[in-house]
Amino acid sequence: MENALSIPPAGSEPEAELPRNFSFQSTCHVALDLCNNNYSCKVALQPVLRHCDTSRCNRDSCMEALQNFYRTAELKWSLEIAFCLCK
């Protein structure tokens, strides 16, 4: 069977130079602020904030709230929050 993807052998192509120092900025606070400024996102996020607090987190309630958030929030908001960078 022929491979659809051809991977060149190691050392056959020069590797691109990657910067040694990366400076990533946190984006979760921005995603949460944007969500809180949108009524439907804020309503969907409230149970997550209530059940997933670090000082009084109930694992089952938190997971249920998170699943419900991702089921009900608009894709834009759920992606912003799911893929935010927490530094």
C-alpha atoms as a PDB file:
ATOM      1  CA  MET A   1       0.000   0.000   0.000  1.00  0.00           C
ATOM      2  CA  GLU A   2       1.380   3.407  -0.972  1.00  0.00           C
ATOM      3  CA  ASN A   3       1.590   6.149   1.698  1.00  0.00           C
ATOM      4  CA  ALA A   4      -0.429   9.279   1.028  1.00  0.00           C
ATOM      5  CA  LEU A   5       1.946  11.325   3.151  1.00  0.00           C
ATOM      6  CA  SER A   6       5.615  11.385   2.293  1.00  0.00           C
ATOM      7  CA  ILE A   7       7.922  12.218   5.199  1.00  0.00           C
ATOM      8  CA  PRO A   8      11.467  13.181   4.214  1.00  0.00           C
ATOM      9  CA  PRO A   9      14.278  11.294   5.945  1.00  0.00           C
ATOM     10  CA  ALA A  10      15.895  12.943   8.937  1.00  0.00           C
ATOM     11  CA  GLY A  11      18.637  15.379   8.012  1.00  0.00           C
ATOM     12  CA  SER A  12      17.522  15.729   4.411  1.00  0.00           C
ATOM     13  CA  GLU A  13      16.173  19.259   4.813  1.00  0.00           C
ATOM     14  CA  PRO A  14      17.651  22.128   6.842  1.00  0.00           C
ATOM     15  CA  GLU A  15      15.664  22.886   9.982  1.00  0.00           C
ATOM     16  CA  ALA A  16      14.196  26.345  10.320  1.00  0.00           C
ATOM     17  CA  GLU A  17      15.779  28.497  12.992  1.00  0.00           C
ATOM     18  CA  LEU A  18      13.443  28.848  15.936  1.00  0.00           C
ATOM     19  CA  PRO A  19      13.755  31.724  18.375  1.00  0.00           C
ATOM     20  CA  ARG A  20      15.153  30.524  21.672  1.00  0.00           C
ATOM     21  CA  ASN A  21      13.069  32.820  23.873  1.00  0.00           C
ATOM     22  CA  PHE A  22       9.311  32.715  23.581  1.00  0.00           C
ATOM     23  CA  SER A  23       7.226  35.322  25.352  1.00  0.00           C
ATOM     24  CA  PHE A  24       3.638  34.152  25.552  1.00  0.00           C
ATOM     25  CA  GLN A  25       1.051  36.476  27.002  1.00  0.00           C
ATOM     26  CA  SER A  26      -1.853  35.189  29.067  1.00  0.00           C
ATOM     27  CA  THR A  27      -5.148  35.468  27.209  1.00  0.00           C
ATOM     28  CA  CYS A  28      -7.639  33.842  29.602  1.00  0.00           C
ATOM     29  CA  HIS A  29      -8.437  37.087  31.410  1.00  0.00           C
ATOM     30  CA  VAL A  30      -9.255  38.687  28.043  1.00  0.00           C
ATOM     31  CA  ALA A  31     -11.455  35.749  27.004  1.00  0.00           C
ATOM     32  CA  LEU A  32     -13.332  35.863  30.326  1.00  0.00           C
ATOM     33  CA  ASP A  33     -13.767  39.655  30.161  1.00  0.00           C
ATOM     34  CA  LEU A  34     -15.164  39.398  26.632  1.00  0.00           C
ATOM     35  CA  CYS A  35     -17.506  36.603  27.723  1.00  0.00           C
ATOM     36  CA  ASN A  36     -18.703  38.617  30.721  1.00  0.00           C
ATOM     37  CA  ASN A  37     -19.513  41.531  28.397  1.00  0.00           C
ATOM     38  CA  ASN A  38     -21.808  39.311  26.306  1.00  0.00           C
ATOM     39  CA  TYR A  39     -25.117  38.484  27.989  1.00  0.00           C
ATOM     40  CA  SER A  40     -25.598  34.948  26.619  1.00  0.00           C
ATOM     41  CA  CYS A  41     -21.990  33.961  27.290  1.00  0.00           C
ATOM     42  CA  LYS A  42     -22.111  35.425  30.787  1.00  0.00           C
ATOM     43  CA  VAL A  43     -25.286  33.461  31.598  1.00  0.00           C
ATOM     44  CA  ALA A  44     -23.726  30.231  30.282  1.00  0.00           C
ATOM     45  CA  LEU A  45     -20.501  30.856  32.224  1.00  0.00           C
ATOM     46  CA  GLN A  46     -22.054  31.625  35.627  1.00  0.00           C
ATOM     47  CA  PRO A  47     -22.563  27.961  36.668  1.00  0.00           C
ATOM     48  CA  VAL A  48     -18.930  27.223  35.764  1.00  0.00           C
ATOM     49  CA  LEU A  49     -17.719  30.074  37.955  1.00  0.00           C
ATOM     50  CA  ARG A  50     -20.032  28.992  40.766  1.00  0.00           C
ATOM     51  CA  HIS A  51     -19.175  25.256  40.719  1.00  0.00           C
ATOM     52  CA  CYS A  52     -15.502  25.345  39.675  1.00  0.00           C
ATOM     53  CA  ASP A  53     -14.124  27.771  42.244  1.00  0.00           C
ATOM     54  CA  THR A  54     -10.801  26.550  43.634  1.00  0.00           C
ATOM     55  CA  SER A  55     -11.878  27.073  47.239  1.00  0.00           C
ATOM     56  CA  ARG A  56     -15.126  25.081  47.013  1.00  0.00           C
ATOM     57  CA  CYS A  57     -14.983  22.963  43.863  1.00  0.00           C
ATOM     58  CA  ASN A  58     -17.307  19.996  43.569  1.00  0.00           C
ATOM     59  CA  ARG A  59     -15.753  17.893  40.798  1.00  0.00           C
ATOM     60  CA  ASP A  60     -19.007  16.420  39.451  1.00  0.00           C
ATOM     61  CA  SER A  61     -20.878  19.732  39.521  1.00  0.00           C
ATOM     62  CA  CYS A  62     -17.915  21.498  37.940  1.00  0.00           C
ATOM     63  CA  MET A  63     -17.631  18.975  35.113  1.00  0.00           C
ATOM     64  CA  GLU A  64     -21.374  19.134  34.476  1.00  0.00           C
ATOM     65  CA  ALA A  65     -21.247  22.950  34.387  1.00  0.00           C
ATOM     66  CA  LEU A  66     -18.304  22.896  31.976  1.00  0.00           C
ATOM     67  CA  GLN A  67     -20.011  20.404  29.678  1.00  0.00           C
ATOM     68  CA  ASN A  68     -23.179  22.488  29.716  1.00  0.00           C
ATOM     69  CA  PHE A  69     -21.184  25.643  28.937  1.00  0.00           C
ATOM     70  CA  TYR A  70     -19.597  24.056  25.879  1.00  0.00           C
ATOM     71  CA  ARG A  71     -22.993  22.695  24.758  1.00  0.00           C
ATOM     72  CA  THR A  72     -24.849  25.991  25.087  1.00  0.00           C
ATOM     73  CA  ALA A  73     -22.354  28.819  24.541  1.00  0.00           C
ATOM     74  CA  GLU A  74     -21.823  30.167  21.046  1.00  0.00           C
ATOM     75  CA  LEU A  75     -18.848  28.575  19.300  1.00  0.00           C
ATOM     76  CA  LYS A  76     -16.941  31.875  19.312  1.00  0.00           C
ATOM     77  CA  TRP A  77     -17.038  32.084  23.110  1.00  0.00           C
ATOM     78  CA  SER A  78     -16.388  28.438  23.803  1.00  0.00           C
ATOM     79  CA  LEU A  79     -13.310  28.470  21.533  1.00  0.00           C
ATOM     80  CA  GLU A  80     -11.964  31.682  23.074  1.00  0.00           C
ATOM     81  CA  ILE A  81     -12.188  30.170  26.544  1.00  0.00           C
ATOM     82  CA  ALA A  82     -11.174  26.622  25.652  1.00  0.00           C
ATOM     83  CA  PHE A  83      -7.992  27.717  23.895  1.00  0.00           C
ATOM     84  CA  CYS A  84      -6.958  30.669  26.006  1.00  0.00           C
ATOM     85  CA  LEU A  85      -3.403  30.718  27.269  1.00  0.00           C
ATOM     86  CA  CYS A  86      -3.006  30.768  31.021  1.00  0.00           C
ATOM     87  CA  LYS A  87       0.458  31.877  32.034  1.00  0.00           C
END
